[in-house]
Amino acid sequence: MDRVGNARRLRQEQTGAERKLWSILRGWKLDGFKFRRQMPIDRYFADFACVEAKLVIELDGGQHAERVAYDAARTEVLEGCGWTVRRFWNAAVLTETTAVVDAILRELRLARP
């Protein structure tokens, strides 16, 4: 499958946490920053990316506890491309939404010139 098709499939198969966070991030709602979903960067797809702030938001489910080395390598590649990567557990997005959004806002405001 090509990159566009893969990104489309990932957008259609999003988790509940991704759906919830996207409803907050989409349409310049978060302090005027624009986010994209499943944006290709290098050989990976970022769950959410803000080009203006060079910020990637990754949401991790329980399977990521077993993929620590993979996630670390992925973060290293994305950071090597000039992006800041912030990871949140799906459970935090679902149960501590305000804290997650506040953390994202802090990162965005640090990046804004």
PDB file of N, CA and C in Angstrom:
ATOM      1  N   MET A   1       0.847  -1.177   0.000  1.00  0.00           N
ATOM      2  CA  MET A   1       0.000   0.000   0.000  1.00  0.00           C
ATOM      3  C   MET A   1       0.892   1.240   0.000  1.00  0.00           C
ATOM      4  N   ASP A   2       0.518   2.242  -0.740  1.00  0.00           N
ATOM      5  CA  ASP A   2       1.306   3.466  -0.809  1.00  0.00           C
ATOM      6  C   ASP A   2       1.126   4.295   0.461  1.00  0.00           C
ATOM      7  N   ARG A   3       1.958   5.318   0.616  1.00  0.00           N
ATOM      8  CA  ARG A   3       1.938   6.140   1.832  1.00  0.00           C
ATOM      9  C   ARG A   3       0.605   6.850   2.031  1.00  0.00           C
ATOM     10  N   VAL A   4       0.022   7.373   0.961  1.00  0.00           N
ATOM     11  CA  VAL A   4      -1.261   8.069   1.083  1.00  0.00           C
ATOM     12  C   VAL A   4      -2.345   7.089   1.513  1.00  0.00           C
ATOM     13  N   GLY A   5      -2.372   5.933   0.900  1.00  0.00           N
ATOM     14  CA  GLY A   5      -3.360   4.916   1.260  1.00  0.00           C
ATOM     15  C   GLY A   5      -3.182   4.433   2.687  1.00  0.00           C
ATOM     16  N   ASN A   6      -1.929   4.283   3.105  1.00  0.00           N
ATOM     17  CA  ASN A   6      -1.654   3.840   4.466  1.00  0.00           C
ATOM     18  C   ASN A   6      -2.090   4.907   5.467  1.00  0.00           C
ATOM     19  N   ALA A   7      -1.798   6.163   5.189  1.00  0.00           N
ATOM     20  CA  ALA A   7      -2.218   7.252   6.075  1.00  0.00           C
ATOM     21  C   ALA A   7      -3.737   7.296   6.159  1.00  0.00           C
ATOM     22  N   ARG A   8      -4.403   7.129   5.055  1.00  0.00           N
ATOM     23  CA  ARG A   8      -5.873   7.134   5.026  1.00  0.00           C
ATOM     24  C   ARG A   8      -6.423   5.995   5.887  1.00  0.00           C
ATOM     25  N   ARG A   9      -5.840   4.804   5.748  1.00  0.00           N
ATOM     26  CA  ARG A   9      -6.281   3.650   6.533  1.00  0.00           C
ATOM     27  C   ARG A   9      -6.086   3.908   8.024  1.00  0.00           C
ATOM     28  N   LEU A  10      -4.938   4.485   8.398  1.00  0.00           N
ATOM     29  CA  LEU A  10      -4.668   4.781   9.806  1.00  0.00           C
ATOM     30  C   LEU A  10      -5.661   5.806  10.357  1.00  0.00           C
ATOM     31  N   ARG A  11      -6.039   6.783   9.544  1.00  0.00           N
ATOM     32  CA  ARG A  11      -7.019   7.779   9.989  1.00  0.00           C
ATOM     33  C   ARG A  11      -8.390   7.141  10.205  1.00  0.00           C
ATOM     34  N   GLN A  12      -8.734   6.175   9.371  1.00  0.00           N
ATOM     35  CA  GLN A  12     -10.037   5.521   9.496  1.00  0.00           C
ATOM     36  C   GLN A  12     -10.082   4.545  10.666  1.00  0.00           C
ATOM     37  N   GLU A  13      -8.934   4.031  11.077  1.00  0.00           N
ATOM     38  CA  GLU A  13      -8.872   3.024  12.138  1.00  0.00           C
ATOM     39  C   GLU A  13      -8.375   3.612  13.460  1.00  0.00           C
ATOM     40  N   GLN A  14      -8.632   4.882  13.700  1.00  0.00           N
ATOM     41  CA  GLN A  14      -8.099   5.506  14.900  1.00  0.00           C
ATOM     42  C   GLN A  14      -8.751   4.960  16.169  1.00  0.00           C
ATOM     43  N   THR A  15      -7.984   5.028  17.258  1.00  0.00           N
ATOM     44  CA  THR A  15      -8.464   4.571  18.557  1.00  0.00           C
ATOM     45  C   THR A  15      -9.405   5.608  19.156  1.00  0.00           C
ATOM     46  N   GLY A  16     -10.069   5.235  20.231  1.00  0.00           N
ATOM     47  CA  GLY A  16     -10.937   6.176  20.928  1.00  0.00           C
ATOM     48  C   GLY A  16     -10.158   7.383  21.438  1.00  0.00           C
ATOM     49  N   ALA A  17      -8.948   7.147  21.938  1.00  0.00           N
ATOM     50  CA  ALA A  17      -8.114   8.249  22.427  1.00  0.00           C
ATOM     51  C   ALA A  17      -7.715   9.175  21.277  1.00  0.00           C
ATOM     52  N   GLU A  18      -7.361   8.595  20.125  1.00  0.00           N
ATOM     53  CA  GLU A  18      -7.014   9.423  18.966  1.00  0.00           C
ATOM     54  C   GLU A  18      -8.219  10.248  18.513  1.00  0.00           C
ATOM     55  N   ARG A  19      -9.375   9.632  18.514  1.00  0.00           N
ATOM     56  CA  ARG A  19     -10.601  10.335  18.116  1.00  0.00           C
ATOM     57  C   ARG A  19     -10.871  11.506  19.064  1.00  0.00           C
ATOM     58  N   LYS A  20     -10.723  11.263  20.362  1.00  0.00           N
ATOM     59  CA  LYS A  20     -10.981  12.308  21.346  1.00  0.00           C
ATOM     60  C   LYS A  20      -9.988  13.458  21.198  1.00  0.00           C
ATOM     61  N   LEU A  21      -8.695  13.144  21.084  1.00  0.00           N
ATOM     62  CA  LEU A  21      -7.698  14.206  20.969  1.00  0.00           C
ATOM     63  C   LEU A  21      -7.854  14.958  19.649  1.00  0.00           C
ATOM     64  N   TRP A  22      -8.184  14.252  18.579  1.00  0.00           N
ATOM     65  CA  TRP A  22      -8.365  14.917  17.285  1.00  0.00           C
ATOM     66  C   TRP A  22      -9.512  15.922  17.349  1.00  0.00           C
ATOM     67  N   SER A  23     -10.564  15.608  18.104  1.00  0.00           N
ATOM     68  CA  SER A  23     -11.681  16.548  18.212  1.00  0.00           C
ATOM     69  C   SER A  23     -11.240  17.849  18.880  1.00  0.00           C
ATOM     70  N   ILE A  24     -10.174  17.797  19.666  1.00  0.00           N
ATOM     71  CA  ILE A  24      -9.641  18.986  20.325  1.00  0.00           C
ATOM     72  C   ILE A  24      -8.627  19.705  19.435  1.00  0.00           C
ATOM     73  N   LEU A  25      -7.822  18.950  18.699  1.00  0.00           N
ATOM     74  CA  LEU A  25      -6.730  19.537  17.907  1.00  0.00           C
ATOM     75  C   LEU A  25      -7.165  20.064  16.546  1.00  0.00           C
ATOM     76  N   ARG A  26      -8.184  19.493  15.966  1.00  0.00           N
ATOM     77  CA  ARG A  26      -8.538  19.811  14.575  1.00  0.00           C
ATOM     78  C   ARG A  26      -9.045  21.232  14.405  1.00  0.00           C
ATOM     79  N   GLY A  27      -8.852  21.748  13.225  1.00  0.00           N
ATOM     80  CA  GLY A  27      -9.415  23.042  12.850  1.00  0.00           C
ATOM     81  C   GLY A  27      -8.862  24.237  13.595  1.00  0.00           C
ATOM     82  N   TRP A  28      -7.594  24.229  13.882  1.00  0.00           N
ATOM     83  CA  TRP A  28      -6.938  25.368  14.542  1.00  0.00           C
ATOM     84  C   TRP A  28      -7.565  25.695  15.893  1.00  0.00           C
ATOM     85  N   LYS A  29      -8.213  24.730  16.540  1.00  0.00           N
ATOM     86  CA  LYS A  29      -8.904  24.985  17.805  1.00  0.00           C
ATOM     87  C   LYS A  29      -7.940  25.221  18.966  1.00  0.00           C
ATOM     88  N   LEU A  30      -6.769  24.642  18.899  1.00  0.00           N
ATOM     89  CA  LEU A  30      -5.845  24.715  20.024  1.00  0.00           C
ATOM     90  C   LEU A  30      -4.906  25.901  19.844  1.00  0.00           C
ATOM     91  N   ASP A  31      -5.308  27.036  20.374  1.00  0.00           N
ATOM     92  CA  ASP A  31      -4.503  28.265  20.360  1.00  0.00           C
ATOM     93  C   ASP A  31      -4.081  28.679  18.946  1.00  0.00           C
ATOM     94  N   GLY A  32      -4.894  28.313  17.952  1.00  0.00           N
ATOM     95  CA  GLY A  32      -4.619  28.721  16.578  1.00  0.00           C
ATOM     96  C   GLY A  32      -3.601  27.867  15.839  1.00  0.00           C
ATOM     97  N   PHE A  33      -3.162  26.756  16.434  1.00  0.00           N
ATOM     98  CA  PHE A  33      -2.202  25.865  15.766  1.00  0.00           C
ATOM     99  C   PHE A  33      -2.950  24.832  14.938  1.00  0.00           C
ATOM    100  N   LYS A  34      -2.413  24.542  13.767  1.00  0.00           N
ATOM    101  CA  LYS A  34      -3.004  23.545  12.877  1.00  0.00           C
ATOM    102  C   LYS A  34      -2.279  22.210  13.055  1.00  0.00           C
ATOM    103  N   PHE A  35      -3.042  21.163  13.238  1.00  0.00           N
ATOM    104  CA  PHE A  35      -2.489  19.812  13.355  1.00  0.00           C
ATOM    105  C   PHE A  35      -2.934  18.969  12.172  1.00  0.00           C
ATOM    106  N   ARG A  36      -2.118  17.994  11.845  1.00  0.00           N
ATOM    107  CA  ARG A  36      -2.449  16.984  10.833  1.00  0.00           C
ATOM    108  C   ARG A  36      -2.448  15.626  11.509  1.00  0.00           C
ATOM    109  N   ARG A  37      -3.293  14.725  11.007  1.00  0.00           N
ATOM    110  CA  ARG A  37      -3.333  13.351  11.522  1.00  0.00           C
ATOM    111  C   ARG A  37      -2.554  12.434  10.613  1.00  0.00           C
ATOM    112  N   GLN A  38      -1.881  11.468  11.213  1.00  0.00           N
ATOM    113  CA  GLN A  38      -1.163  10.427  10.471  1.00  0.00           C
ATOM    114  C   GLN A  38      -0.295  11.027   9.367  1.00  0.00           C
ATOM    115  N   MET A  39       0.481  12.010   9.735  1.00  0.00           N
ATOM    116  CA  MET A  39       1.344  12.702   8.775  1.00  0.00           C
ATOM    117  C   MET A  39       2.639  11.912   8.575  1.00  0.00           C
ATOM    118  N   PRO A  40       2.989  11.617   7.326  1.00  0.00           N
ATOM    119  CA  PRO A  40       4.242  10.906   7.086  1.00  0.00           C
ATOM    120  C   PRO A  40       5.450  11.802   7.362  1.00  0.00           C
ATOM    121  N   ILE A  41       6.369  11.279   8.159  1.00  0.00           N
ATOM    122  CA  ILE A  41       7.643  11.930   8.430  1.00  0.00           C
ATOM    123  C   ILE A  41       8.695  10.832   8.343  1.00  0.00           C
ATOM    124  N   ASP A  42       9.618  10.986   7.414  1.00  0.00           N
ATOM    125  CA  ASP A  42      10.625   9.963   7.152  1.00  0.00           C
ATOM    126  C   ASP A  42       9.894   8.665   6.839  1.00  0.00           C
ATOM    127  N   ARG A  43      10.172   7.586   7.565  1.00  0.00           N
ATOM    128  CA  ARG A  43       9.517   6.306   7.261  1.00  0.00           C
ATOM    129  C   ARG A  43       8.362   5.993   8.209  1.00  0.00           C
ATOM    130  N   TYR A  44       7.962   6.964   9.018  1.00  0.00           N
ATOM    131  CA  TYR A  44       6.909   6.775  10.005  1.00  0.00           C
ATOM    132  C   TYR A  44       5.709   7.668   9.721  1.00  0.00           C
ATOM    133  N   PHE A  45       4.616   7.369  10.405  1.00  0.00           N
ATOM    134  CA  PHE A  45       3.427   8.215  10.373  1.00  0.00           C
ATOM    135  C   PHE A  45       3.222   8.748  11.786  1.00  0.00           C
ATOM    136  N   ALA A  46       3.271  10.065  11.936  1.00  0.00           N
ATOM    137  CA  ALA A  46       3.040  10.683  13.237  1.00  0.00           C
ATOM    138  C   ALA A  46       1.548  10.679  13.522  1.00  0.00           C
ATOM    139  N   ASP A  47       1.158  10.301  14.730  1.00  0.00           N
ATOM    140  CA  ASP A  47      -0.267  10.317  15.072  1.00  0.00           C
ATOM    141  C   ASP A  47      -0.840  11.707  14.817  1.00  0.00           C
ATOM    142  N   PHE A  48      -0.184  12.733  15.369  1.00  0.00           N
ATOM    143  CA  PHE A  48      -0.575  14.126  15.150  1.00  0.00           C
ATOM    144  C   PHE A  48       0.687  14.954  14.991  1.00  0.00           C
ATOM    145  N   ALA A  49       0.666  15.908  14.085  1.00  0.00           N
ATOM    146  CA  ALA A  49       1.841  16.761  13.872  1.00  0.00           C
ATOM    147  C   ALA A  49       1.401  18.190  13.613  1.00  0.00           C
ATOM    148  N   CYS A  50       2.106  19.111  14.250  1.00  0.00           N
ATOM    149  CA  CYS A  50       1.916  20.533  14.007  1.00  0.00           C
ATOM    150  C   CYS A  50       3.177  21.018  13.299  1.00  0.00           C
ATOM    151  N   VAL A  51       3.045  21.330  12.016  1.00  0.00           N
ATOM    152  CA  VAL A  51       4.198  21.729  11.207  1.00  0.00           C
ATOM    153  C   VAL A  51       4.797  23.027  11.728  1.00  0.00           C
ATOM    154  N   GLU A  52       3.947  23.994  12.051  1.00  0.00           N
ATOM    155  CA  GLU A  52       4.428  25.296  12.508  1.00  0.00           C
ATOM    156  C   GLU A  52       5.330  25.164  13.742  1.00  0.00           C
ATOM    157  N   ALA A  53       4.949  24.303  14.677  1.00  0.00           N
ATOM    158  CA  ALA A  53       5.715  24.134  15.915  1.00  0.00           C
ATOM    159  C   ALA A  53       6.718  22.989  15.836  1.00  0.00           C
ATOM    160  N   LYS A  54       6.699  22.241  14.720  1.00  0.00           N
ATOM    161  CA  LYS A  54       7.553  21.050  14.570  1.00  0.00           C
ATOM    162  C   LYS A  54       7.360  20.117  15.768  1.00  0.00           C
ATOM    163  N   LEU A  55       6.072  19.904  16.111  1.00  0.00           N
ATOM    164  CA  LEU A  55       5.713  19.082  17.263  1.00  0.00           C
ATOM    165  C   LEU A  55       4.921  17.864  16.816  1.00  0.00           C
ATOM    166  N   VAL A  56       5.369  16.705  17.254  1.00  0.00           N
ATOM    167  CA  VAL A  56       4.674  15.445  17.001  1.00  0.00           C
ATOM    168  C   VAL A  56       4.078  14.967  18.320  1.00  0.00           C
ATOM    169  N   ILE A  57       2.809  14.590  18.278  1.00  0.00           N
ATOM    170  CA  ILE A  57       2.134  14.006  19.422  1.00  0.00           C
ATOM    171  C   ILE A  57       1.870  12.544  19.088  1.00  0.00           C
ATOM    172  N   GLU A  58       2.394  11.657  19.928  1.00  0.00           N
ATOM    173  CA  GLU A  58       2.192  10.225  19.753  1.00  0.00           C
ATOM    174  C   GLU A  58       1.353   9.707  20.902  1.00  0.00           C
ATOM    175  N   LEU A  59       0.341   8.906  20.596  1.00  0.00           N
ATOM    176  CA  LEU A  59      -0.487   8.280  21.612  1.00  0.00           C
ATOM    177  C   LEU A  59      -0.143   6.803  21.674  1.00  0.00           C
ATOM    178  N   ASP A  60       0.094   6.331  22.879  1.00  0.00           N
ATOM    179  CA  ASP A  60       0.531   4.955  23.079  1.00  0.00           C
ATOM    180  C   ASP A  60      -0.494   4.164  23.877  1.00  0.00           C
ATOM    181  N   GLY A  61      -0.832   3.001  23.362  1.00  0.00           N
ATOM    182  CA  GLY A  61      -1.702   2.073  24.075  1.00  0.00           C
ATOM    183  C   GLY A  61      -0.859   1.065  24.830  1.00  0.00           C
ATOM    184  N   GLY A  62      -1.513   0.096  25.409  1.00  0.00           N
ATOM    185  CA  GLY A  62      -0.827  -0.906  26.221  1.00  0.00           C
ATOM    186  C   GLY A  62       0.253  -1.680  25.489  1.00  0.00           C
ATOM    187  N   GLN A  63       0.089  -1.879  24.173  1.00  0.00           N
ATOM    188  CA  GLN A  63       1.081  -2.630  23.407  1.00  0.00           C
ATOM    189  C   GLN A  63       2.438  -1.933  23.380  1.00  0.00           C
ATOM    190  N   HIS A  64       2.449  -0.630  23.646  1.00  0.00           N
ATOM    191  CA  HIS A  64       3.704   0.120  23.592  1.00  0.00           C
ATOM    192  C   HIS A  64       4.605  -0.188  24.782  1.00  0.00           C
ATOM    193  N   ALA A  65       4.053  -0.744  25.850  1.00  0.00           N
ATOM    194  CA  ALA A  65       4.873  -1.141  26.993  1.00  0.00           C
ATOM    195  C   ALA A  65       5.836  -2.250  26.585  1.00  0.00           C
ATOM    196  N   GLU A  66       5.470  -3.000  25.560  1.00  0.00           N
ATOM    197  CA  GLU A  66       6.309  -4.092  25.066  1.00  0.00           C
ATOM    198  C   GLU A  66       7.184  -3.664  23.894  1.00  0.00           C
ATOM    199  N   ARG A  67       7.021  -2.419  23.430  1.00  0.00           N
ATOM    200  CA  ARG A  67       7.744  -1.935  22.243  1.00  0.00           C
ATOM    201  C   ARG A  67       8.604  -0.718  22.573  1.00  0.00           C
ATOM    202  N   VAL A  68       9.200  -0.712  23.740  1.00  0.00           N
ATOM    203  CA  VAL A  68       9.963   0.443  24.199  1.00  0.00           C
ATOM    204  C   VAL A  68      11.117   0.756  23.260  1.00  0.00           C
ATOM    205  N   ALA A  69      11.853  -0.254  22.839  1.00  0.00           N
ATOM    206  CA  ALA A  69      13.010  -0.034  21.955  1.00  0.00           C
ATOM    207  C   ALA A  69      12.556   0.508  20.595  1.00  0.00           C
ATOM    208  N   TYR A  70      11.477  -0.037  20.056  1.00  0.00           N
ATOM    209  CA  TYR A  70      10.947   0.443  18.775  1.00  0.00           C
ATOM    210  C   TYR A  70      10.532   1.900  18.883  1.00  0.00           C
ATOM    211  N   ASP A  71       9.787   2.234  19.955  1.00  0.00           N
ATOM    212  CA  ASP A  71       9.328   3.613  20.130  1.00  0.00           C
ATOM    213  C   ASP A  71      10.503   4.568  20.315  1.00  0.00           C
ATOM    214  N   ALA A  72      11.539   4.128  21.022  1.00  0.00           N
ATOM    215  CA  ALA A  72      12.720   4.973  21.225  1.00  0.00           C
ATOM    216  C   ALA A  72      13.422   5.233  19.900  1.00  0.00           C
ATOM    217  N   ALA A  73      13.542   4.199  19.067  1.00  0.00           N
ATOM    218  CA  ALA A  73      14.180   4.364  17.754  1.00  0.00           C
ATOM    219  C   ALA A  73      13.340   5.283  16.870  1.00  0.00           C
ATOM    220  N   ARG A  74      12.047   5.124  16.934  1.00  0.00           N
ATOM    221  CA  ARG A  74      11.125   5.958  16.155  1.00  0.00           C
ATOM    222  C   ARG A  74      11.255   7.422  16.585  1.00  0.00           C
ATOM    223  N   THR A  75      11.274   7.660  17.890  1.00  0.00           N
ATOM    224  CA  THR A  75      11.426   9.019  18.411  1.00  0.00           C
ATOM    225  C   THR A  75      12.761   9.604  17.969  1.00  0.00           C
ATOM    226  N   GLU A  76      13.815   8.813  17.998  1.00  0.00           N
ATOM    227  CA  GLU A  76      15.141   9.280  17.578  1.00  0.00           C
ATOM    228  C   GLU A  76      15.139   9.722  16.116  1.00  0.00           C
ATOM    229  N   VAL A  77      14.484   8.965  15.254  1.00  0.00           N
ATOM    230  CA  VAL A  77      14.407   9.327  13.838  1.00  0.00           C
ATOM    231  C   VAL A  77      13.622  10.636  13.668  1.00  0.00           C
ATOM    232  N   LEU A  78      12.474  10.738  14.328  1.00  0.00           N
ATOM    233  CA  LEU A  78      11.651  11.942  14.200  1.00  0.00           C
ATOM    234  C   LEU A  78      12.398  13.168  14.729  1.00  0.00           C
ATOM    235  N   GLU A  79      13.068  13.014  15.866  1.00  0.00           N
ATOM    236  CA  GLU A  79      13.846  14.131  16.410  1.00  0.00           C
ATOM    237  C   GLU A  79      15.022  14.468  15.499  1.00  0.00           C
ATOM    238  N   GLY A  80      15.593  13.462  14.863  1.00  0.00           N
ATOM    239  CA  GLY A  80      16.662  13.691  13.899  1.00  0.00           C
ATOM    240  C   GLY A  80      16.198  14.480  12.689  1.00  0.00           C
ATOM    241  N   CYS A  81      14.904  14.433  12.420  1.00  0.00           N
ATOM    242  CA  CYS A  81      14.312  15.208  11.325  1.00  0.00           C
ATOM    243  C   CYS A  81      13.913  16.613  11.791  1.00  0.00           C
ATOM    244  N   GLY A  82      14.230  16.955  13.041  1.00  0.00           N
ATOM    245  CA  GLY A  82      13.958  18.292  13.549  1.00  0.00           C
ATOM    246  C   GLY A  82      12.662  18.453  14.311  1.00  0.00           C
ATOM    247  N   TRP A  83      11.990  17.358  14.628  1.00  0.00           N
ATOM    248  CA  TRP A  83      10.712  17.414  15.330  1.00  0.00           C
ATOM    249  C   TRP A  83      10.907  17.180  16.822  1.00  0.00           C
ATOM    250  N   THR A  84      10.053  17.799  17.627  1.00  0.00           N
ATOM    251  CA  THR A  84       9.950  17.491  19.049  1.00  0.00           C
ATOM    252  C   THR A  84       8.839  16.463  19.176  1.00  0.00           C
ATOM    253  N   VAL A  85       9.087  15.399  19.921  1.00  0.00           N
ATOM    254  CA  VAL A  85       8.104  14.321  20.057  1.00  0.00           C
ATOM    255  C   VAL A  85       7.637  14.254  21.511  1.00  0.00           C
ATOM    256  N   ARG A  86       6.331  14.260  21.688  1.00  0.00           N
ATOM    257  CA  ARG A  86       5.731  14.092  23.014  1.00  0.00           C
ATOM    258  C   ARG A  86       4.782  12.917  22.955  1.00  0.00           C
ATOM    259  N   ARG A  87       4.924  12.024  23.924  1.00  0.00           N
ATOM    260  CA  ARG A  87       4.112  10.810  23.988  1.00  0.00           C
ATOM    261  C   ARG A  87       3.163  10.868  25.170  1.00  0.00           C
ATOM    262  N   PHE A  88       1.956  10.391  24.949  1.00  0.00           N
ATOM    263  CA  PHE A  88       0.955  10.298  26.001  1.00  0.00           C
ATOM    264  C   PHE A  88       0.301   8.924  25.915  1.00  0.00           C
ATOM    265  N   TRP A  89      -0.035   8.367  27.064  1.00  0.00           N
ATOM    266  CA  TRP A  89      -0.771   7.111  27.092  1.00  0.00           C
ATOM    267  C   TRP A  89      -2.222   7.372  26.690  1.00  0.00           C
ATOM    268  N   ASN A  90      -2.813   6.433  25.966  1.00  0.00           N
ATOM    269  CA  ASN A  90      -4.223   6.540  25.590  1.00  0.00           C
ATOM    270  C   ASN A  90      -5.086   6.786  26.825  1.00  0.00           C
ATOM    271  N   ALA A  91      -4.805   6.065  27.903  1.00  0.00           N
ATOM    272  CA  ALA A  91      -5.602   6.210  29.123  1.00  0.00           C
ATOM    273  C   ALA A  91      -5.556   7.639  29.649  1.00  0.00           C
ATOM    274  N   ALA A  92      -4.402   8.298  29.562  1.00  0.00           N
ATOM    275  CA  ALA A  92      -4.290   9.683  30.022  1.00  0.00           C
ATOM    276  C   ALA A  92      -5.159  10.604  29.170  1.00  0.00           C
ATOM    277  N   VAL A  93      -5.171  10.373  27.869  1.00  0.00           N
ATOM    278  CA  VAL A  93      -6.006  11.201  26.989  1.00  0.00           C
ATOM    279  C   VAL A  93      -7.479  11.041  27.348  1.00  0.00           C
ATOM    280  N   LEU A  94      -7.874   9.834  27.681  1.00  0.00           N
ATOM    281  CA  LEU A  94      -9.275   9.558  27.975  1.00  0.00           C
ATOM    282  C   LEU A  94      -9.701  10.005  29.373  1.00  0.00           C
ATOM    283  N   THR A  95      -8.782   9.967  30.338  1.00  0.00           N
ATOM    284  CA  THR A  95      -9.178  10.243  31.726  1.00  0.00           C
ATOM    285  C   THR A  95      -8.592  11.543  32.283  1.00  0.00           C
ATOM    286  N   GLU A  96      -7.523  12.028  31.687  1.00  0.00           N
ATOM    287  CA  GLU A  96      -6.873  13.259  32.160  1.00  0.00           C
ATOM    288  C   GLU A  96      -6.695  14.219  30.979  1.00  0.00           C
ATOM    289  N   THR A  97      -7.757  14.393  30.230  1.00  0.00           N
ATOM    290  CA  THR A  97      -7.718  15.152  28.984  1.00  0.00           C
ATOM    291  C   THR A  97      -7.178  16.566  29.186  1.00  0.00           C
ATOM    292  N   THR A  98      -7.638  17.243  30.205  1.00  0.00           N
ATOM    293  CA  THR A  98      -7.205  18.631  30.442  1.00  0.00           C
ATOM    294  C   THR A  98      -5.702  18.698  30.670  1.00  0.00           C
ATOM    295  N   ALA A  99      -5.156  17.780  31.444  1.00  0.00           N
ATOM    296  CA  ALA A  99      -3.714  17.770  31.713  1.00  0.00           C
ATOM    297  C   ALA A  99      -2.923  17.517  30.431  1.00  0.00           C
ATOM    298  N   VAL A 100      -3.401  16.613  29.596  1.00  0.00           N
ATOM    299  CA  VAL A 100      -2.725  16.324  28.326  1.00  0.00           C
ATOM    300  C   VAL A 100      -2.762  17.551  27.419  1.00  0.00           C
ATOM    301  N   VAL A 101      -3.917  18.171  27.298  1.00  0.00           N
ATOM    302  CA  VAL A 101      -4.054  19.356  26.441  1.00  0.00           C
ATOM    303  C   VAL A 101      -3.179  20.494  26.976  1.00  0.00           C
ATOM    304  N   ASP A 102      -3.135  20.668  28.284  1.00  0.00           N
ATOM    305  CA  ASP A 102      -2.275  21.706  28.875  1.00  0.00           C
ATOM    306  C   ASP A 102      -0.804  21.453  28.551  1.00  0.00           C
ATOM    307  N   ALA A 103      -0.373  20.203  28.606  1.00  0.00           N
ATOM    308  CA  ALA A 103       1.013  19.860  28.278  1.00  0.00           C
ATOM    309  C   ALA A 103       1.312  20.157  26.804  1.00  0.00           C
ATOM    310  N   ILE A 104       0.374  19.849  25.929  1.00  0.00           N
ATOM    311  CA  ILE A 104       0.545  20.135  24.503  1.00  0.00           C
ATOM    312  C   ILE A 104       0.616  21.640  24.275  1.00  0.00           C
ATOM    313  N   LEU A 105      -0.263  22.376  24.942  1.00  0.00           N
ATOM    314  CA  LEU A 105      -0.249  23.846  24.810  1.00  0.00           C
ATOM    315  C   LEU A 105       1.083  24.438  25.263  1.00  0.00           C
ATOM    316  N   ARG A 106       1.650  23.932  26.346  1.00  0.00           N
ATOM    317  CA  ARG A 106       2.964  24.422  26.803  1.00  0.00           C
ATOM    318  C   ARG A 106       4.016  24.222  25.728  1.00  0.00           C
ATOM    319  N   GLU A 107       4.016  23.057  25.095  1.00  0.00           N
ATOM    320  CA  GLU A 107       4.985  22.772  24.026  1.00  0.00           C
ATOM    321  C   GLU A 107       4.775  23.707  22.843  1.00  0.00           C
ATOM    322  N   LEU A 108       3.535  23.915  22.470  1.00  0.00           N
ATOM    323  CA  LEU A 108       3.232  24.790  21.336  1.00  0.00           C
ATOM    324  C   LEU A 108       3.678  26.213  21.599  1.00  0.00           C
ATOM    325  N   ARG A 109       3.427  26.687  22.790  1.00  0.00           N
ATOM    326  CA  ARG A 109       3.782  28.072  23.121  1.00  0.00           C
ATOM    327  C   ARG A 109       5.289  28.265  23.198  1.00  0.00           C
ATOM    328  N   LEU A 110       6.006  27.237  23.602  1.00  0.00           N
ATOM    329  CA  LEU A 110       7.486  27.298  23.599  1.00  0.00           C
ATOM    330  C   LEU A 110       8.021  27.384  22.171  1.00  0.00           C
ATOM    331  N   ALA A 111       7.309  26.744  21.238  1.00  0.00           N
ATOM    332  CA  ALA A 111       7.776  26.698  19.846  1.00  0.00           C
ATOM    333  C   ALA A 111       7.422  27.939  19.068  1.00  0.00           C
ATOM    334  N   ARG A 112       6.413  28.688  19.527  1.00  0.00           N
ATOM    335  CA  ARG A 112       5.956  29.858  18.779  1.00  0.00           C
ATOM    336  C   ARG A 112       6.975  30.992  18.934  1.00  0.00           C
ATOM    337  N   PRO A 113       7.423  31.537  17.812  1.00  0.00           N
ATOM    338  CA  PRO A 113       8.408  32.624  17.887  1.00  0.00           C
ATOM    339  C   PRO A 113       7.820  33.896  18.459  1.00  0.00           C
TER     340      PRO A 113
END
